[in-house]
């Protein structure tokens, strides 16, 4: 029994070393080799949750380096098998959700993305108190929204992110993903009233996290999408003033400033064309 405990301890130490190596490794082939070594140890101690977690972590690190969807699916399925064995483990569940997110990064097919989203949703439903898992779910939903073009489908996705945000309102990371999903919705909207509703939703997030440069950028980009659809000069001036308020904020970074200034110039050019009855080339 003591020998078994010693062997298990030695295996855990070896797995920790393999995980550290896989974290530093950026070569996919090397990560695959490290994951295979971790699998051998895992198969020797299939009942050990600690070893299972380290194997799942090594597989997650492998998924970071993979860009081929089929290879990613194989890796994700390997993590899923571990999760199925240790369904009570939040740590293993998190690695499964993280691997699924990495898969979603490379997927462009909406149906495939929906399957991935639903897999992360199942994990989230099991561990609703976990902010880390909630973040992975929100991030995967944002990736889905990037590929969606149907406004109704986008609204459903945005509402799913909103539900997560409502549960973790203090999380700036989740708030950012809600703002990103709303921006993606605004890209496909052409109705000014609907765009205003979207803008106001992003504004609420911005008001809560005024120190966040990334959220400020999403707000600015959504305002720009609204301005593109506005034909009334006064309405566009109001939008322009909101953009000015954003970049005058003390927390704004140069990226947001450059973006805002570029579009303020664009809006100025559009206003000139409208005043001269010239067709707006930015109008959809």
Protein backbone atom coordinates (compact mmCIF):
# COMPACT_ATOMS: atom_id res chain seq x y z
CA UNK A 1 0.00 0.00 0.00
CA UNK A 2 2.85 2.36 0.95
CA UNK A 3 4.59 1.51 -2.32
CA UNK A 4 1.42 2.31 -4.24
CA UNK A 5 1.18 5.69 -2.49
CA UNK A 6 4.84 6.35 -3.28
CA UNK A 7 4.35 5.46 -6.94
CA UNK A 8 1.28 7.71 -7.11
CA UNK A 9 3.21 10.59 -5.57
CA UNK A 10 6.06 10.06 -8.04
CA UNK A 11 3.58 10.01 -10.91
CA UNK A 12 1.99 13.27 -9.73
CA UNK A 13 5.43 14.88 -9.57
CA UNK A 14 6.22 13.68 -13.08
CA UNK A 15 2.87 14.97 -14.37
CA UNK A 16 3.52 18.36 -12.80
CA UNK A 17 6.80 18.52 -14.68
CA UNK A 18 5.07 17.52 -17.92
CA UNK A 19 2.40 20.16 -17.38
CA UNK A 20 5.01 22.85 -16.72
CA UNK A 21 6.79 21.85 -19.93
CA UNK A 22 3.56 21.89 -21.96
CA UNK A 23 2.72 25.35 -20.57
CA UNK A 24 6.04 26.73 -21.84
CA UNK A 25 5.95 24.78 -25.12
CA UNK A 26 4.63 26.46 -28.27
CA UNK A 27 5.38 23.61 -30.68
CA UNK A 28 2.32 21.46 -31.37
CA UNK A 29 4.33 18.26 -31.92
CA UNK A 30 6.10 18.70 -28.59
CA UNK A 31 2.76 19.33 -26.84
CA UNK A 32 1.34 16.17 -28.41
CA UNK A 33 4.31 14.15 -27.11
CA UNK A 34 3.85 15.58 -23.61
CA UNK A 35 0.11 14.83 -23.69
CA UNK A 36 0.85 11.21 -24.70
CA UNK A 37 3.22 10.82 -21.75
CA UNK A 38 0.56 12.25 -19.46
CA UNK A 39 -1.99 9.79 -20.88
CA UNK A 40 0.26 6.82 -20.06
CA UNK A 41 0.44 7.90 -16.42
CA UNK A 42 -3.31 8.59 -16.32
CA UNK A 43 -4.08 5.10 -17.64
CA UNK A 44 -1.97 3.64 -14.82
CA UNK A 45 -4.06 5.49 -12.21
CA UNK A 46 -7.51 5.95 -13.80
CA UNK A 47 -9.18 6.43 -10.40
CA UNK A 48 -6.94 9.29 -9.31
CA UNK A 49 -8.66 12.66 -9.69
CA UNK A 50 -5.39 14.53 -9.17
CA UNK A 51 -3.73 12.68 -12.05
CA UNK A 52 -6.84 13.08 -14.20
CA UNK A 53 -6.77 16.84 -13.62
CA UNK A 54 -3.14 17.10 -14.67
CA UNK A 55 -3.82 15.07 -17.81
CA UNK A 56 -6.77 17.35 -18.62
CA UNK A 57 -4.51 20.39 -18.12
CA UNK A 58 -1.90 18.96 -20.49
CA UNK A 59 -4.61 18.33 -23.09
CA UNK A 60 -5.87 21.89 -22.69
CA UNK A 61 -2.35 23.20 -23.33
CA UNK A 62 -2.23 21.06 -26.46
CA UNK A 63 -5.54 22.55 -27.65
CA UNK A 64 -4.00 26.05 -27.46
CA UNK A 65 -1.48 25.10 -30.15
CA UNK A 66 -3.95 23.32 -32.44
CA UNK A 67 -5.69 25.11 -35.31
CA UNK A 68 -7.11 22.11 -37.18
CA UNK A 69 -10.73 21.61 -36.12
CA UNK A 70 -10.58 17.81 -36.44
CA UNK A 71 -7.48 17.64 -34.24
CA UNK A 72 -9.09 19.99 -31.74
CA UNK A 73 -12.20 17.80 -31.66
CA UNK A 74 -10.06 14.77 -30.81
CA UNK A 75 -8.37 16.67 -27.99
CA UNK A 76 -11.69 17.99 -26.68
CA UNK A 77 -13.15 14.47 -26.73
CA UNK A 78 -10.20 13.24 -24.68
CA UNK A 79 -10.89 15.91 -22.07
CA UNK A 80 -14.59 15.01 -22.23
CA UNK A 81 -13.78 11.38 -21.36
CA UNK A 82 -11.94 12.57 -18.25
CA UNK A 83 -14.84 14.85 -17.33
CA UNK A 84 -17.33 11.99 -17.76
CA UNK A 85 -15.33 9.98 -15.22
CA UNK A 86 -15.02 12.84 -12.71
CA UNK A 87 -18.24 14.82 -13.22
CA UNK A 88 -18.12 16.21 -9.69
CA UNK A 89 -14.76 17.90 -10.25
CA UNK A 90 -15.12 21.61 -10.96
CA UNK A 91 -11.43 21.88 -11.85
CA UNK A 92 -11.69 19.20 -14.53
CA UNK A 93 -14.98 20.71 -15.74
CA UNK A 94 -13.24 24.05 -16.15
CA UNK A 95 -10.48 22.52 -18.33
CA UNK A 96 -13.14 20.85 -20.46
CA UNK A 97 -14.92 24.21 -20.90
CA UNK A 98 -11.62 25.91 -21.73
CA UNK A 99 -10.78 23.28 -24.36
CA UNK A 100 -14.25 23.69 -25.87
CA UNK A 101 -13.69 27.45 -26.06
CA UNK A 102 -10.41 26.86 -27.91
CA UNK A 103 -12.31 24.65 -30.35
CA UNK A 104 -14.88 27.42 -30.91
CA UNK A 105 -12.10 29.86 -31.83
CA UNK A 106 -11.33 27.81 -34.95
CA UNK A 107 -14.90 26.93 -35.91
CA UNK A 108 -16.71 29.00 -38.53
CA UNK A 109 -19.76 26.80 -39.14
CA UNK A 110 -22.68 28.10 -37.08
CA UNK A 111 -24.19 24.64 -36.54
CA UNK A 112 -20.87 23.27 -35.27
CA UNK A 113 -20.44 26.33 -33.05
CA UNK A 114 -23.93 25.78 -31.62
CA UNK A 115 -22.95 22.21 -30.69
CA UNK A 116 -19.84 23.52 -28.93
CA UNK A 117 -21.84 26.23 -27.15
CA UNK A 118 -24.36 23.65 -25.95
CA UNK A 119 -21.56 21.48 -24.57
CA UNK A 120 -20.19 24.42 -22.57
CA UNK A 121 -23.74 25.29 -21.49
CA UNK A 122 -24.15 21.79 -20.01
CA UNK A 123 -21.00 22.32 -17.94
CA UNK A 124 -22.21 25.76 -16.85
CA UNK A 125 -25.60 24.35 -15.84
CA UNK A 126 -23.81 21.85 -13.59
CA UNK A 127 -21.50 24.47 -12.00
CA UNK A 128 -23.59 27.66 -12.07
CA UNK A 129 -21.68 29.15 -9.16
CA UNK A 130 -18.36 29.03 -11.01
CA UNK A 131 -17.42 32.42 -12.46
CA UNK A 132 -14.51 30.85 -14.37
CA UNK A 133 -16.78 28.38 -16.16
CA UNK A 134 -19.34 31.14 -16.75
CA UNK A 135 -16.62 33.19 -18.45
CA UNK A 136 -15.74 30.31 -20.79
CA UNK A 137 -19.44 29.98 -21.66
CA UNK A 138 -19.72 33.73 -22.36
CA UNK A 139 -16.57 33.70 -24.51
CA UNK A 140 -17.85 30.74 -26.54
CA UNK A 141 -21.19 32.50 -27.07
CA UNK A 142 -19.31 35.57 -28.35
CA UNK A 143 -17.49 33.37 -30.88
CA UNK A 144 -20.86 32.08 -32.02
CA UNK A 145 -22.18 35.64 -32.39
CA UNK A 146 -19.25 36.53 -34.65
CA UNK A 147 -20.43 33.99 -37.23
CA UNK A 148 -24.18 34.68 -36.96
CA UNK A 149 -25.82 37.04 -39.43
CA UNK A 150 -29.49 36.53 -38.55
CA UNK A 151 -30.56 39.28 -36.14
CA UNK A 152 -33.07 37.08 -34.31
CA UNK A 153 -30.46 34.36 -33.75
CA UNK A 154 -27.97 37.00 -32.64
CA UNK A 155 -30.51 38.37 -30.15
CA UNK A 156 -30.90 34.89 -28.65
CA UNK A 157 -27.13 34.59 -28.29
CA UNK A 158 -26.85 38.09 -26.78
CA UNK A 159 -29.62 37.26 -24.29
CA UNK A 160 -27.73 34.13 -23.25
CA UNK A 161 -24.64 36.26 -22.52
CA UNK A 162 -26.86 38.78 -20.72
CA UNK A 163 -28.14 36.02 -18.40
CA UNK A 164 -24.55 35.16 -17.48
CA UNK A 165 -23.76 38.84 -16.92
CA UNK A 166 -26.83 39.25 -14.70
CA UNK A 167 -25.52 36.41 -12.52
CA UNK A 168 -21.96 37.82 -12.31
CA UNK A 169 -22.47 41.57 -12.56
CA UNK A 170 -19.22 42.31 -10.73
CA UNK A 171 -17.13 40.50 -13.37
CA UNK A 172 -15.44 42.90 -15.78
CA UNK A 173 -14.37 39.99 -18.01
CA UNK A 174 -17.95 38.76 -18.42
CA UNK A 175 -19.19 42.34 -18.86
CA UNK A 176 -16.70 42.76 -21.70
CA UNK A 177 -18.03 39.64 -23.45
CA UNK A 178 -21.59 40.96 -23.11
CA UNK A 179 -20.47 44.24 -24.70
CA UNK A 180 -18.69 42.34 -27.49
CA UNK A 181 -21.81 40.28 -28.23
CA UNK A 182 -23.90 43.45 -28.34
CA UNK A 183 -21.42 45.02 -30.76
CA UNK A 184 -21.66 41.92 -32.99
CA UNK A 185 -25.44 42.31 -32.92
CA UNK A 186 -25.13 45.97 -33.94
CA UNK A 187 -23.10 44.97 -37.00
CA UNK A 188 -26.15 43.22 -38.46
CA UNK A 189 -28.80 45.71 -37.36
CA UNK A 190 -30.04 48.34 -39.80
CA UNK A 191 -33.03 49.67 -37.89
CA UNK A 192 -32.00 52.82 -36.01
CA UNK A 193 -34.42 52.23 -33.12
CA UNK A 194 -33.09 48.70 -32.61
CA UNK A 195 -29.54 49.99 -32.83
CA UNK A 196 -30.34 52.62 -30.18
CA UNK A 197 -31.53 49.87 -27.84
CA UNK A 198 -28.30 47.98 -28.43
CA UNK A 199 -26.21 51.11 -27.87
CA UNK A 200 -28.05 51.81 -24.59
CA UNK A 201 -27.32 48.29 -23.39
CA UNK A 202 -23.60 48.76 -24.07
CA UNK A 203 -23.77 52.19 -22.45
CA UNK A 204 -25.08 50.62 -19.22
CA UNK A 205 -22.09 48.27 -19.18
CA UNK A 206 -19.73 51.17 -19.90
CA UNK A 207 -21.25 53.24 -17.06
CA UNK A 208 -20.62 50.35 -14.66
CA UNK A 209 -17.02 49.76 -15.81
CA UNK A 210 -15.82 53.20 -16.87
CA UNK A 211 -12.22 52.28 -16.08
CA UNK A 212 -12.23 49.48 -18.67
CA UNK A 213 -10.58 50.52 -21.92
CA UNK A 214 -11.77 47.37 -23.71
CA UNK A 215 -15.42 47.98 -22.79
CA UNK A 216 -15.05 51.62 -23.82
CA UNK A 217 -13.83 50.44 -27.22
CA UNK A 218 -16.88 48.17 -27.68
CA UNK A 219 -19.12 51.10 -26.76
CA UNK A 220 -17.36 53.37 -29.27
CA UNK A 221 -17.60 50.75 -32.03
CA UNK A 222 -21.31 50.21 -31.37
CA UNK A 223 -21.93 53.96 -31.50
CA UNK A 224 -20.13 54.05 -34.84
CA UNK A 225 -22.44 51.33 -36.19
CA UNK A 226 -25.40 53.42 -35.06
CA UNK A 227 -23.99 56.53 -36.77
CA UNK A 228 -23.62 54.67 -40.07
CA UNK A 229 -27.39 54.05 -40.16
CA UNK A 230 -28.43 57.51 -38.99
CA UNK A 231 -29.48 59.94 -41.71
CA UNK A 232 -30.67 62.72 -39.44
CA UNK A 233 -27.82 65.17 -38.89
CA UNK A 234 -28.93 66.11 -35.36
CA UNK A 235 -29.14 62.47 -34.32
CA UNK A 236 -25.67 61.86 -35.69
CA UNK A 237 -24.38 64.88 -33.80
CA UNK A 238 -25.72 63.37 -30.59
CA UNK A 239 -23.90 60.13 -31.39
CA UNK A 240 -20.75 62.08 -32.19
CA UNK A 241 -20.95 63.82 -28.81
CA UNK A 242 -21.19 60.45 -27.07
CA UNK A 243 -18.08 59.32 -28.92
CA UNK A 244 -16.30 62.48 -27.80
CA UNK A 245 -17.27 61.74 -24.19
CA UNK A 246 -15.69 58.30 -24.47
CA UNK A 247 -12.30 59.42 -25.68
CA UNK A 248 -12.26 62.35 -23.25
CA UNK A 249 -12.49 59.80 -20.45
CA UNK A 250 -9.20 59.70 -18.53
CA UNK A 251 -8.98 55.88 -18.71
CA UNK A 252 -9.14 55.64 -22.48
CA UNK A 253 -6.20 54.06 -24.30
CA UNK A 254 -4.59 55.06 -27.58
CA UNK A 255 -6.28 52.25 -29.52
CA UNK A 256 -9.75 53.49 -28.56
CA UNK A 257 -8.70 57.08 -29.12
CA UNK A 258 -7.44 56.35 -32.64
CA UNK A 259 -10.57 54.38 -33.46
CA UNK A 260 -12.86 57.11 -32.17
CA UNK A 261 -10.97 59.91 -33.91
CA UNK A 262 -11.03 58.00 -37.20
CA UNK A 263 -14.78 57.60 -37.03
CA UNK A 264 -15.40 61.14 -35.89
CA UNK A 265 -13.62 62.20 -39.08
CA UNK A 266 -15.74 59.73 -41.08
CA UNK A 267 -18.94 61.07 -39.53
CA UNK A 268 -17.80 64.61 -40.34
CA UNK A 269 -17.31 63.59 -43.98
CA UNK A 270 -20.75 61.91 -44.08
CA UNK A 271 -22.38 65.04 -42.66
CA UNK A 272 -20.74 67.10 -45.39
CA UNK A 273 -22.08 64.73 -48.06
CA UNK A 274 -25.60 64.81 -46.60
CA UNK A 275 -25.58 68.60 -46.54
CA UNK A 276 -24.65 68.49 -50.24
CA UNK A 277 -27.23 65.73 -51.01
CA UNK A 278 -24.48 63.28 -51.92
CA UNK A 279 -25.17 59.54 -51.40
CA UNK A 280 -23.64 58.17 -48.20
CA UNK A 281 -21.22 55.38 -49.28
CA UNK A 282 -21.16 53.96 -45.72
CA UNK A 283 -24.90 53.30 -45.73
CA UNK A 284 -25.81 49.61 -46.12
